[in-house]
Amino acid sequence: MKKKTQKKPILSKSQKTYPRPSWVPDSILSEKELCPDCFKVVGERSRYNVVCILGKEKDGLTVTEITKKLSLTQPTISHHLNALQSVDAVTVTKNGTERIFKLNREAHCFEECKIPY
């Protein structure tokens, strides 16, 4: 059985940007090219779904709560949250043994590049 490989977006050599993913409509995000950090946020549909779910939750969510809202496994959600943390798109606070993840609405991707959530 052959392993399915995803095509990686081609980085524009002159601008060092990535093309806007097809699942982010023109009407929502007018930018045709995204910086690497913003592409990391929306470049994978599941990760962008996590952003959208967190964008609707003012008080944040745990990994378990996000897992219940999406048909993804806990390790996959954790992986996406780590990627989002790496570009400052989410913040995490500890509440006892739980970790609460919130969208960082002041992050570059949401403030300057206007990535919708």
Protein backbone atom coordinates (compact mmCIF):
# COMPACT_ATOMS: atom_id res chain seq x y z
CA MET A 1 0.00 0.00 0.00
CA LYS A 2 1.44 3.35 -1.05
CA LYS A 3 1.64 6.11 1.49
CA LYS A 4 -0.31 9.22 0.54
CA THR A 5 1.91 12.27 0.41
CA GLN A 6 0.71 15.83 0.60
CA LYS A 7 2.06 18.37 -1.80
CA LYS A 8 3.89 21.13 -0.02
CA PRO A 9 3.15 24.66 -1.20
CA ILE A 10 5.76 26.23 -3.40
CA LEU A 11 7.53 29.09 -1.69
CA SER A 12 7.81 32.13 -3.90
CA LYS A 13 11.53 32.89 -4.12
CA SER A 14 11.09 36.60 -4.71
CA GLN A 15 8.68 37.29 -1.84
CA LYS A 16 9.21 34.39 0.58
CA THR A 17 5.47 33.84 0.90
CA TYR A 18 3.01 31.00 0.45
CA PRO A 19 -0.15 31.00 -1.66
CA ARG A 20 -3.45 31.33 0.21
CA PRO A 21 -5.02 27.87 0.72
CA SER A 22 -8.12 27.14 -1.35
CA TRP A 23 -10.27 26.53 1.77
CA VAL A 24 -9.82 30.15 2.86
CA PRO A 25 -12.17 31.99 0.45
CA ASP A 26 -11.25 35.23 -1.30
CA SER A 27 -14.21 36.94 0.31
CA ILE A 28 -12.81 36.25 3.79
CA LEU A 29 -9.10 36.78 3.18
CA SER A 30 -8.19 39.02 0.27
CA GLU A 31 -4.44 38.34 0.55
CA LYS A 32 -3.17 36.07 -2.23
CA GLU A 33 0.13 35.38 -0.46
CA LEU A 34 0.79 34.66 3.21
CA CYS A 35 3.91 34.98 5.33
CA PRO A 36 5.29 31.66 6.68
CA ASP A 37 3.80 32.22 10.16
CA CYS A 38 0.33 32.95 8.80
CA PHE A 39 0.56 30.03 6.41
CA LYS A 40 1.39 27.82 9.39
CA VAL A 41 -1.94 28.90 10.92
CA VAL A 42 -4.15 28.28 7.86
CA GLY A 43 -1.98 26.05 5.67
CA GLU A 44 -3.55 22.89 7.00
CA ARG A 45 -7.35 22.74 7.05
CA SER A 46 -7.56 20.91 10.39
CA ARG A 47 -5.32 23.48 12.05
CA TYR A 48 -7.44 26.30 10.68
CA ASN A 49 -10.52 24.51 12.04
CA VAL A 50 -8.89 24.55 15.49
CA VAL A 51 -8.33 28.31 15.08
CA CYS A 52 -11.98 28.84 14.14
CA ILE A 53 -13.22 26.81 17.10
CA LEU A 54 -10.98 28.71 19.51
CA GLY A 55 -12.07 31.99 17.92
CA LYS A 56 -15.64 31.29 19.03
CA GLU A 57 -14.66 30.50 22.63
CA LYS A 58 -13.79 33.58 24.69
CA ASP A 59 -12.75 31.53 27.73
CA GLY A 60 -10.72 28.98 25.76
CA LEU A 61 -10.91 25.20 25.56
CA THR A 62 -8.98 22.16 26.72
CA VAL A 63 -7.56 19.61 24.30
CA THR A 64 -10.37 17.24 25.30
CA GLU A 65 -13.03 19.84 24.49
CA ILE A 66 -11.46 20.61 21.11
CA THR A 67 -11.22 16.88 20.38
CA LYS A 68 -14.96 16.51 21.04
CA LYS A 69 -15.76 19.33 18.60
CA LEU A 70 -13.57 17.95 15.79
CA SER A 71 -13.20 14.43 14.48
CA LEU A 72 -9.49 14.37 15.27
CA THR A 73 -7.49 12.46 17.87
CA GLN A 74 -6.04 14.02 20.99
CA PRO A 75 -2.43 13.69 19.72
CA THR A 76 -3.39 15.43 16.46
CA ILE A 77 -5.07 18.29 18.34
CA SER A 78 -2.00 18.62 20.58
CA HIS A 79 0.24 18.71 17.51
CA HIS A 80 -1.84 21.51 15.94
CA LEU A 81 -1.89 23.47 19.20
CA ASN A 82 1.91 23.19 19.49
CA ALA A 83 2.27 24.51 15.94
CA LEU A 84 -0.09 27.39 16.72
CA GLN A 85 1.82 28.17 19.92
CA SER A 86 5.07 28.31 17.94
CA VAL A 87 3.75 31.31 15.99
CA ASP A 88 2.05 32.90 19.02
CA ALA A 89 -1.45 32.25 17.63
CA VAL A 90 -2.64 30.59 20.85
CA THR A 91 -1.87 31.01 24.52
CA VAL A 92 -2.09 28.38 27.21
CA THR A 93 -2.88 28.73 30.90
CA LYS A 94 -2.90 26.01 33.52
CA ASN A 95 -6.02 25.43 35.58
CA GLY A 96 -5.17 22.65 38.03
CA THR A 97 -4.27 19.68 35.87
CA GLU A 98 -5.94 21.13 32.77
CA ARG A 99 -4.40 23.36 30.16
CA ILE A 100 -6.74 25.95 28.66
CA PHE A 101 -5.95 27.11 25.13
CA LYS A 102 -7.13 30.51 23.92
CA LEU A 103 -6.76 32.25 20.60
CA ASN A 104 -4.26 35.11 20.85
CA ARG A 105 -6.32 37.68 18.98
CA GLU A 106 -3.40 40.13 19.09
CA ALA A 107 -1.05 37.80 17.22
CA HIS A 108 0.49 39.01 13.96
CA CYS A 109 -1.65 36.64 11.90
CA PHE A 110 -4.92 38.02 13.22
CA GLU A 111 -4.04 41.68 13.77
CA GLU A 112 -1.81 42.52 10.80
CA CYS A 113 -2.59 39.85 8.22
CA LYS A 114 -6.28 39.66 9.17
CA ILE A 115 -6.57 35.88 9.18
CA PRO A 116 -10.28 35.33 9.96
CA TYR A 117 -11.42 33.22 12.87
